[in-house]
Amino acid sequence: MGEPSAAGIRIRLFAGLQEQAGWAERQWTADALVEATLTPRQLWQTLQLPGELNSVRVAINQQFAAADTPLLPGDELAFLPPISGG
């Protein structure tokens, strides 16, 4: 696992989300951050990720966070689906 990029936001999907979206990781450029404050909720909607965000855990820089937390260049954003045990 690499370090977050200062050029933008590193977006990571895990488990079922990764399979449904068809990708595991993307880079969101810093240019998109300059125009307005960006949140995980806005990225979820812009990227048209599968399912409902309210059933997904959001982590920024490996710390759980609210979906409306402002993102900064260099952040790593992860979307984690619910995990069921058995």
PDB file of N, CA and C in Angstrom:
ATOM      1  N   MET A   1       0.847  -1.174   0.000  1.00  0.00           N
ATOM      2  CA  MET A   1       0.000   0.000   0.000  1.00  0.00           C
ATOM      3  C   MET A   1       0.886   1.227   0.000  1.00  0.00           C
ATOM      4  N   GLY A   2       0.640   2.148  -0.929  1.00  0.00           N
ATOM      5  CA  GLY A   2       1.448   3.340  -1.049  1.00  0.00           C
ATOM      6  C   GLY A   2       0.956   4.473  -0.187  1.00  0.00           C
ATOM      7  N   GLU A   3       1.707   5.535  -0.179  1.00  0.00           N
ATOM      8  CA  GLU A   3       1.340   6.739   0.564  1.00  0.00           C
ATOM      9  C   GLU A   3       0.308   7.533  -0.219  1.00  0.00           C
ATOM     10  N   PRO A   4      -0.582   8.300   0.483  1.00  0.00           N
ATOM     11  CA  PRO A   4      -1.523   9.158  -0.226  1.00  0.00           C
ATOM     12  C   PRO A   4      -0.770  10.168  -1.089  1.00  0.00           C
ATOM     13  N   SER A   5      -1.354  10.524  -2.193  1.00  0.00           N
ATOM     14  CA  SER A   5      -0.728  11.456  -3.111  1.00  0.00           C
ATOM     15  C   SER A   5      -1.113  12.884  -2.780  1.00  0.00           C
ATOM     16  N   ALA A   6      -0.127  13.786  -2.778  1.00  0.00           N
ATOM     17  CA  ALA A   6      -0.405  15.196  -2.531  1.00  0.00           C
ATOM     18  C   ALA A   6      -1.114  15.819  -3.727  1.00  0.00           C
ATOM     19  N   ALA A   7      -1.142  15.109  -4.867  1.00  0.00           N
ATOM     20  CA  ALA A   7      -1.757  15.650  -6.069  1.00  0.00           C
ATOM     21  C   ALA A   7      -3.276  15.528  -6.066  1.00  0.00           C
ATOM     22  N   GLY A   8      -3.828  14.776  -5.154  1.00  0.00           N
ATOM     23  CA  GLY A   8      -5.274  14.587  -5.156  1.00  0.00           C
ATOM     24  C   GLY A   8      -5.702  13.670  -4.043  1.00  0.00           C
ATOM     25  N   ILE A   9      -6.842  13.029  -4.245  1.00  0.00           N
ATOM     26  CA  ILE A   9      -7.386  12.107  -3.258  1.00  0.00           C
ATOM     27  C   ILE A   9      -7.330  10.697  -3.824  1.00  0.00           C
ATOM     28  N   ARG A  10      -6.845   9.786  -3.023  1.00  0.00           N
ATOM     29  CA  ARG A  10      -6.813   8.377  -3.398  1.00  0.00           C
ATOM     30  C   ARG A  10      -8.118   7.760  -2.897  1.00  0.00           C
ATOM     31  N   ILE A  11      -8.896   7.191  -3.800  1.00  0.00           N
ATOM     32  CA  ILE A  11     -10.185   6.586  -3.456  1.00  0.00           C
ATOM     33  C   ILE A  11     -10.046   5.076  -3.560  1.00  0.00           C
ATOM     34  N   ARG A  12     -10.438   4.380  -2.490  1.00  0.00           N
ATOM     35  CA  ARG A  12     -10.320   2.925  -2.470  1.00  0.00           C
ATOM     36  C   ARG A  12     -11.676   2.300  -2.147  1.00  0.00           C
ATOM     37  N   LEU A  13     -11.983   1.219  -2.842  1.00  0.00           N
ATOM     38  CA  LEU A  13     -13.192   0.444  -2.588  1.00  0.00           C
ATOM     39  C   LEU A  13     -12.784  -0.928  -2.088  1.00  0.00           C
ATOM     40  N   PHE A  14     -13.608  -1.511  -1.219  1.00  0.00           N
ATOM     41  CA  PHE A  14     -13.289  -2.813  -0.658  1.00  0.00           C
ATOM     42  C   PHE A  14     -14.434  -3.793  -0.853  1.00  0.00           C
ATOM     43  N   ALA A  15     -14.077  -5.069  -0.866  1.00  0.00           N
ATOM     44  CA  ALA A  15     -14.999  -6.214  -0.894  1.00  0.00           C
ATOM     45  C   ALA A  15     -16.047  -6.083  -1.999  1.00  0.00           C
ATOM     46  N   GLY A  16     -17.316  -6.235  -1.640  1.00  0.00           N
ATOM     47  CA  GLY A  16     -18.401  -6.223  -2.618  1.00  0.00           C
ATOM     48  C   GLY A  16     -18.494  -4.941  -3.414  1.00  0.00           C
ATOM     49  N   LEU A  17     -18.135  -3.818  -2.810  1.00  0.00           N
ATOM     50  CA  LEU A  17     -18.171  -2.547  -3.549  1.00  0.00           C
ATOM     51  C   LEU A  17     -17.197  -2.585  -4.722  1.00  0.00           C
ATOM     52  N   GLN A  18     -16.030  -3.115  -4.466  1.00  0.00           N
ATOM     53  CA  GLN A  18     -15.002  -3.236  -5.500  1.00  0.00           C
ATOM     54  C   GLN A  18     -15.508  -4.097  -6.656  1.00  0.00           C
ATOM     55  N   GLU A  19     -16.133  -5.207  -6.308  1.00  0.00           N
ATOM     56  CA  GLU A  19     -16.653  -6.114  -7.331  1.00  0.00           C
ATOM     57  C   GLU A  19     -17.778  -5.467  -8.129  1.00  0.00           C
ATOM     58  N   GLN A  20     -18.684  -4.766  -7.459  1.00  0.00           N
ATOM     59  CA  GLN A  20     -19.818  -4.138  -8.139  1.00  0.00           C
ATOM     60  C   GLN A  20     -19.385  -2.977  -9.032  1.00  0.00           C
ATOM     61  N   ALA A  21     -18.436  -2.172  -8.555  1.00  0.00           N
ATOM     62  CA  ALA A  21     -17.993  -1.004  -9.325  1.00  0.00           C
ATOM     63  C   ALA A  21     -17.034  -1.394 -10.446  1.00  0.00           C
ATOM     64  N   GLY A  22     -16.316  -2.513 -10.274  1.00  0.00           N
ATOM     65  CA  GLY A  22     -15.371  -2.949 -11.291  1.00  0.00           C
ATOM     66  C   GLY A  22     -14.006  -2.294 -11.179  1.00  0.00           C
ATOM     67  N   TRP A  23     -13.725  -1.669 -10.054  1.00  0.00           N
ATOM     68  CA  TRP A  23     -12.408  -1.087  -9.810  1.00  0.00           C
ATOM     69  C   TRP A  23     -12.134  -1.050  -8.312  1.00  0.00           C
ATOM     70  N   ALA A  24     -10.856  -1.004  -7.959  1.00  0.00           N
ATOM     71  CA  ALA A  24     -10.455  -1.027  -6.552  1.00  0.00           C
ATOM     72  C   ALA A  24      -9.926   0.315  -6.072  1.00  0.00           C
ATOM     73  N   GLU A  25      -9.292   1.059  -6.975  1.00  0.00           N
ATOM     74  CA  GLU A  25      -8.646   2.303  -6.567  1.00  0.00           C
ATOM     75  C   GLU A  25      -8.625   3.300  -7.719  1.00  0.00           C
ATOM     76  N   ARG A  26      -8.851   4.556  -7.360  1.00  0.00           N
ATOM     77  CA  ARG A  26      -8.775   5.653  -8.336  1.00  0.00           C
ATOM     78  C   ARG A  26      -8.154   6.864  -7.671  1.00  0.00           C
ATOM     79  N   GLN A  27      -7.635   7.745  -8.491  1.00  0.00           N
ATOM     80  CA  GLN A  27      -7.072   9.008  -8.010  1.00  0.00           C
ATOM     81  C   GLN A  27      -7.983  10.145  -8.459  1.00  0.00           C
ATOM     82  N   TRP A  28      -8.398  10.993  -7.527  1.00  0.00           N
ATOM     83  CA  TRP A  28      -9.215  12.171  -7.839  1.00  0.00           C
ATOM     84  C   TRP A  28      -8.270  13.354  -7.831  1.00  0.00           C
ATOM     85  N   THR A  29      -8.176  14.086  -8.929  1.00  0.00           N
ATOM     86  CA  THR A  29      -7.162  15.127  -9.059  1.00  0.00           C
ATOM     87  C   THR A  29      -7.429  16.332  -8.167  1.00  0.00           C
ATOM     88  N   ALA A  30      -6.369  17.010  -7.813  1.00  0.00           N
ATOM     89  CA  ALA A  30      -6.457  18.191  -6.949  1.00  0.00           C
ATOM     90  C   ALA A  30      -7.214  19.321  -7.637  1.00  0.00           C
ATOM     91  N   ASP A  31      -7.202  19.375  -8.966  1.00  0.00           N
ATOM     92  CA  ASP A  31      -7.920  20.426  -9.691  1.00  0.00           C
ATOM     93  C   ASP A  31      -9.395  20.438  -9.304  1.00  0.00           C
ATOM     94  N   ALA A  32      -9.964  19.267  -9.114  1.00  0.00           N
ATOM     95  CA  ALA A  32     -11.376  19.178  -8.756  1.00  0.00           C
ATOM     96  C   ALA A  32     -11.622  19.669  -7.335  1.00  0.00           C
ATOM     97  N   LEU A  33     -10.584  19.676  -6.496  1.00  0.00           N
ATOM     98  CA  LEU A  33     -10.733  20.119  -5.111  1.00  0.00           C
ATOM     99  C   LEU A  33     -10.657  21.633  -4.973  1.00  0.00           C
ATOM    100  N   VAL A  34     -10.024  22.289  -5.915  1.00  0.00           N
ATOM    101  CA  VAL A  34      -9.811  23.726  -5.824  1.00  0.00           C
ATOM    102  C   VAL A  34     -11.124  24.491  -5.942  1.00  0.00           C
ATOM    103  N   GLU A  35     -12.022  23.989  -6.771  1.00  0.00           N
ATOM    104  CA  GLU A  35     -13.257  24.707  -7.062  1.00  0.00           C
ATOM    105  C   GLU A  35     -14.217  24.751  -5.882  1.00  0.00           C
ATOM    106  N   ALA A  36     -14.290  23.697  -5.084  1.00  0.00           N
ATOM    107  CA  ALA A  36     -15.241  23.642  -3.978  1.00  0.00           C
ATOM    108  C   ALA A  36     -14.795  22.593  -2.964  1.00  0.00           C
ATOM    109  N   THR A  37     -15.347  22.687  -1.780  1.00  0.00           N
ATOM    110  CA  THR A  37     -15.091  21.668  -0.769  1.00  0.00           C
ATOM    111  C   THR A  37     -15.750  20.376  -1.225  1.00  0.00           C
ATOM    112  N   LEU A  38     -15.000  19.308  -1.163  1.00  0.00           N
ATOM    113  CA  LEU A  38     -15.486  18.013  -1.614  1.00  0.00           C
ATOM    114  C   LEU A  38     -15.625  17.095  -0.408  1.00  0.00           C
ATOM    115  N   THR A  39     -16.693  16.300  -0.380  1.00  0.00           N
ATOM    116  CA  THR A  39     -16.932  15.352   0.707  1.00  0.00           C
ATOM    117  C   THR A  39     -17.047  13.937   0.148  1.00  0.00           C
ATOM    118  N   PRO A  40     -16.912  12.936   1.005  1.00  0.00           N
ATOM    119  CA  PRO A  40     -17.123  11.559   0.543  1.00  0.00           C
ATOM    120  C   PRO A  40     -18.513  11.373  -0.079  1.00  0.00           C
ATOM    121  N   ARG A  41     -19.531  12.006   0.484  1.00  0.00           N
ATOM    122  CA  ARG A  41     -20.889  11.885  -0.058  1.00  0.00           C
ATOM    123  C   ARG A  41     -20.938  12.399  -1.507  1.00  0.00           C
ATOM    124  N   GLN A  42     -20.293  13.534  -1.769  1.00  0.00           N
ATOM    125  CA  GLN A  42     -20.287  14.081  -3.122  1.00  0.00           C
ATOM    126  C   GLN A  42     -19.538  13.172  -4.092  1.00  0.00           C
ATOM    127  N   LEU A  43     -18.421  12.607  -3.654  1.00  0.00           N
ATOM    128  CA  LEU A  43     -17.680  11.685  -4.520  1.00  0.00           C
ATOM    129  C   LEU A  43     -18.482  10.422  -4.790  1.00  0.00           C
ATOM    130  N   TRP A  44     -19.167   9.907  -3.783  1.00  0.00           N
ATOM    131  CA  TRP A  44     -20.012   8.722  -3.953  1.00  0.00           C
ATOM    132  C   TRP A  44     -21.026   8.970  -5.063  1.00  0.00           C
ATOM    133  N   GLN A  45     -21.667  10.128  -5.014  1.00  0.00           N
ATOM    134  CA  GLN A  45     -22.690  10.465  -6.010  1.00  0.00           C
ATOM    135  C   GLN A  45     -22.069  10.721  -7.383  1.00  0.00           C
ATOM    136  N   THR A  46     -20.963  11.444  -7.435  1.00  0.00           N
ATOM    137  CA  THR A  46     -20.299  11.756  -8.704  1.00  0.00           C
ATOM    138  C   THR A  46     -19.811  10.489  -9.398  1.00  0.00           C
ATOM    139  N   LEU A  47     -19.250   9.571  -8.631  1.00  0.00           N
ATOM    140  CA  LEU A  47     -18.736   8.323  -9.200  1.00  0.00           C
ATOM    141  C   LEU A  47     -19.828   7.297  -9.461  1.00  0.00           C
ATOM    142  N   GLN A  48     -21.057   7.608  -9.035  1.00  0.00           N
ATOM    143  CA  GLN A  48     -22.209   6.722  -9.213  1.00  0.00           C
ATOM    144  C   GLN A  48     -21.908   5.311  -8.701  1.00  0.00           C
ATOM    145  N   LEU A  49     -21.427   5.278  -7.449  1.00  0.00           N
ATOM    146  CA  LEU A  49     -21.102   3.992  -6.845  1.00  0.00           C
ATOM    147  C   LEU A  49     -22.373   3.223  -6.504  1.00  0.00           C
ATOM    148  N   PRO A  50     -22.283   1.893  -6.493  1.00  0.00           N
ATOM    149  CA  PRO A  50     -23.472   1.052  -6.301  1.00  0.00           C
ATOM    150  C   PRO A  50     -23.992   1.095  -4.860  1.00  0.00           C
ATOM    151  N   GLY A  51     -25.292   0.976  -4.727  1.00  0.00           N
ATOM    152  CA  GLY A  51     -25.902   0.892  -3.406  1.00  0.00           C
ATOM    153  C   GLY A  51     -26.114   2.240  -2.748  1.00  0.00           C
ATOM    154  N   GLU A  52     -26.445   2.164  -1.475  1.00  0.00           N
ATOM    155  CA  GLU A  52     -26.732   3.355  -0.683  1.00  0.00           C
ATOM    156  C   GLU A  52     -25.556   3.675   0.227  1.00  0.00           C
ATOM    157  N   LEU A  53     -25.153   4.931   0.245  1.00  0.00           N
ATOM    158  CA  LEU A  53     -24.024   5.343   1.075  1.00  0.00           C
ATOM    159  C   LEU A  53     -24.308   5.128   2.561  1.00  0.00           C
ATOM    160  N   ASN A  54     -25.565   5.243   2.977  1.00  0.00           N
ATOM    161  CA  ASN A  54     -25.867   5.109   4.408  1.00  0.00           C
ATOM    162  C   ASN A  54     -25.614   3.700   4.943  1.00  0.00           C
ATOM    163  N   SER A  55     -25.377   2.719   4.061  1.00  0.00           N
ATOM    164  CA  SER A  55     -25.062   1.365   4.519  1.00  0.00           C
ATOM    165  C   SER A  55     -23.565   1.063   4.414  1.00  0.00           C
ATOM    166  N   VAL A  56     -22.753   2.083   4.126  1.00  0.00           N
ATOM    167  CA  VAL A  56     -21.323   1.916   3.899  1.00  0.00           C
ATOM    168  C   VAL A  56     -20.542   2.716   4.946  1.00  0.00           C
ATOM    169  N   ARG A  57     -19.412   2.173   5.401  1.00  0.00           N
ATOM    170  CA  ARG A  57     -18.530   2.914   6.312  1.00  0.00           C
ATOM    171  C   ARG A  57     -17.568   3.741   5.471  1.00  0.00           C
ATOM    172  N   VAL A  58     -17.299   4.949   5.920  1.00  0.00           N
ATOM    173  CA  VAL A  58     -16.363   5.856   5.256  1.00  0.00           C
ATOM    174  C   VAL A  58     -15.136   6.001   6.143  1.00  0.00           C
ATOM    175  N   ALA A  59     -13.961   5.927   5.547  1.00  0.00           N
ATOM    176  CA  ALA A  59     -12.722   6.163   6.282  1.00  0.00           C
ATOM    177  C   ALA A  59     -11.876   7.169   5.518  1.00  0.00           C
ATOM    178  N   ILE A  60     -11.335   8.126   6.236  1.00  0.00           N
ATOM    179  CA  ILE A  60     -10.417   9.111   5.661  1.00  0.00           C
ATOM    180  C   ILE A  60      -9.091   8.939   6.387  1.00  0.00           C
ATOM    181  N   ASN A  61      -8.055   8.662   5.627  1.00  0.00           N
ATOM    182  CA  ASN A  61      -6.723   8.420   6.188  1.00  0.00           C
ATOM    183  C   ASN A  61      -6.760   7.344   7.279  1.00  0.00           C
ATOM    184  N   GLN A  62      -7.496   6.272   6.985  1.00  0.00           N
ATOM    185  CA  GLN A  62      -7.606   5.082   7.823  1.00  0.00           C
ATOM    186  C   GLN A  62      -8.267   5.342   9.172  1.00  0.00           C
ATOM    187  N   GLN A  63      -9.102   6.394   9.228  1.00  0.00           N
ATOM    188  CA  GLN A  63      -9.902   6.687  10.424  1.00  0.00           C
ATOM    189  C   GLN A  63     -11.351   6.822   9.983  1.00  0.00           C
ATOM    190  N   PHE A  64     -12.274   6.143  10.683  1.00  0.00           N
ATOM    191  CA  PHE A  64     -13.682   6.274  10.311  1.00  0.00           C
ATOM    192  C   PHE A  64     -14.098   7.732  10.416  1.00  0.00           C
ATOM    193  N   ALA A  65     -14.944   8.167   9.458  1.00  0.00           N
ATOM    194  CA  ALA A  65     -15.356   9.569   9.385  1.00  0.00           C
ATOM    195  C   ALA A  65     -16.789   9.653   8.874  1.00  0.00           C
ATOM    196  N   ALA A  66     -17.393  10.806   9.059  1.00  0.00           N
ATOM    197  CA  ALA A  66     -18.735  11.066   8.539  1.00  0.00           C
ATOM    198  C   ALA A  66     -18.667  11.302   7.039  1.00  0.00           C
ATOM    199  N   ALA A  67     -19.748  10.992   6.347  1.00  0.00           N
ATOM    200  CA  ALA A  67     -19.799  11.141   4.889  1.00  0.00           C
ATOM    201  C   ALA A  67     -19.734  12.589   4.440  1.00  0.00           C
ATOM    202  N   ASP A  68     -19.964  13.531   5.359  1.00  0.00           N
ATOM    203  CA  ASP A  68     -19.923  14.951   5.003  1.00  0.00           C
ATOM    204  C   ASP A  68     -18.648  15.644   5.468  1.00  0.00           C
ATOM    205  N   THR A  69     -17.643  14.884   5.851  1.00  0.00           N
ATOM    206  CA  THR A  69     -16.353  15.446   6.261  1.00  0.00           C
ATOM    207  C   THR A  69     -15.638  16.003   5.033  1.00  0.00           C
ATOM    208  N   PRO A  70     -15.168  17.250   5.086  1.00  0.00           N
ATOM    209  CA  PRO A  70     -14.433  17.815   3.939  1.00  0.00           C
ATOM    210  C   PRO A  70     -13.135  17.052   3.679  1.00  0.00           C
ATOM    211  N   LEU A  71     -12.849  16.838   2.406  1.00  0.00           N
ATOM    212  CA  LEU A  71     -11.622  16.155   1.992  1.00  0.00           C
ATOM    213  C   LEU A  71     -10.569  17.184   1.610  1.00  0.00           C
ATOM    214  N   LEU A  72      -9.315  16.820   1.810  1.00  0.00           N
ATOM    215  CA  LEU A  72      -8.185  17.680   1.476  1.00  0.00           C
ATOM    216  C   LEU A  72      -7.254  16.962   0.515  1.00  0.00           C
ATOM    217  N   PRO A  73      -6.523  17.709  -0.311  1.00  0.00           N
ATOM    218  CA  PRO A  73      -5.542  17.057  -1.182  1.00  0.00           C
ATOM    219  C   PRO A  73      -4.589  16.202  -0.345  1.00  0.00           C
ATOM    220  N   GLY A  74      -4.301  15.011  -0.843  1.00  0.00           N
ATOM    221  CA  GLY A  74      -3.429  14.090  -0.145  1.00  0.00           C
ATOM    222  C   GLY A  74      -4.167  13.080   0.709  1.00  0.00           C
ATOM    223  N   ASP A  75      -5.475  13.264   0.910  1.00  0.00           N
ATOM    224  CA  ASP A  75      -6.254  12.324   1.710  1.00  0.00           C
ATOM    225  C   ASP A  75      -6.433  10.994   0.980  1.00  0.00           C
ATOM    226  N   GLU A  76      -6.576   9.941   1.779  1.00  0.00           N
ATOM    227  CA  GLU A  76      -6.977   8.642   1.267  1.00  0.00           C
ATOM    228  C   GLU A  76      -8.405   8.392   1.754  1.00  0.00           C
ATOM    229  N   LEU A  77      -9.313   8.165   0.825  1.00  0.00           N
ATOM    230  CA  LEU A  77     -10.720   7.929   1.138  1.00  0.00           C
ATOM    231  C   LEU A  77     -11.041   6.481   0.835  1.00  0.00           C
ATOM    232  N   ALA A  78     -11.645   5.794   1.795  1.00  0.00           N
ATOM    233  CA  ALA A  78     -12.032   4.397   1.592  1.00  0.00           C
ATOM    234  C   ALA A  78     -13.517   4.227   1.880  1.00  0.00           C
ATOM    235  N   PHE A  79     -14.163   3.435   1.040  1.00  0.00           N
ATOM    236  CA  PHE A  79     -15.550   3.049   1.242  1.00  0.00           C
ATOM    237  C   PHE A  79     -15.551   1.554   1.567  1.00  0.00           C
ATOM    238  N   LEU A  80     -16.120   1.207   2.733  1.00  0.00           N
ATOM    239  CA  LEU A  80     -16.129  -0.186   3.198  1.00  0.00           C
ATOM    240  C   LEU A  80     -17.559  -0.660   3.370  1.00  0.00           C
ATOM    241  N   PRO A  81     -17.940  -1.723   2.676  1.00  0.00           N
ATOM    242  CA  PRO A  81     -19.300  -2.239   2.802  1.00  0.00           C
ATOM    243  C   PRO A  81     -19.499  -2.894   4.165  1.00  0.00           C
ATOM    244  N   PRO A  82     -20.756  -3.118   4.539  1.00  0.00           N
ATOM    245  CA  PRO A  82     -21.008  -3.825   5.803  1.00  0.00           C
ATOM    246  C   PRO A  82     -20.388  -5.216   5.754  1.00  0.00           C
ATOM    247  N   ILE A  83     -19.904  -5.647   6.887  1.00  0.00           N
ATOM    248  CA  ILE A  83     -19.265  -6.963   6.970  1.00  0.00           C
ATOM    249  C   ILE A  83     -20.151  -7.856   7.828  1.00  0.00           C
ATOM    250  N   SER A  84     -20.460  -9.017   7.285  1.00  0.00           N
ATOM    251  CA  SER A  84     -21.269  -9.959   8.056  1.00  0.00           C
ATOM    252  C   SER A  84     -20.378 -11.093   8.526  1.00  0.00           C
ATOM    253  N   GLY A  85     -20.654 -11.542   9.708  1.00  0.00           N
ATOM    254  CA  GLY A  85     -19.870 -12.643  10.262  1.00  0.00           C
ATOM    255  C   GLY A  85     -20.700 -13.913  10.308  1.00  0.00           C
ATOM    256  N   GLY A  86     -20.045 -14.975  10.628  1.00  0.00           N
ATOM    257  CA  GLY A  86     -20.817 -16.214  10.683  1.00  0.00           C
ATOM    258  C   GLY A  86     -20.187 -17.270  11.510  1.00  0.00           C
TER     259      GLY A  86
END
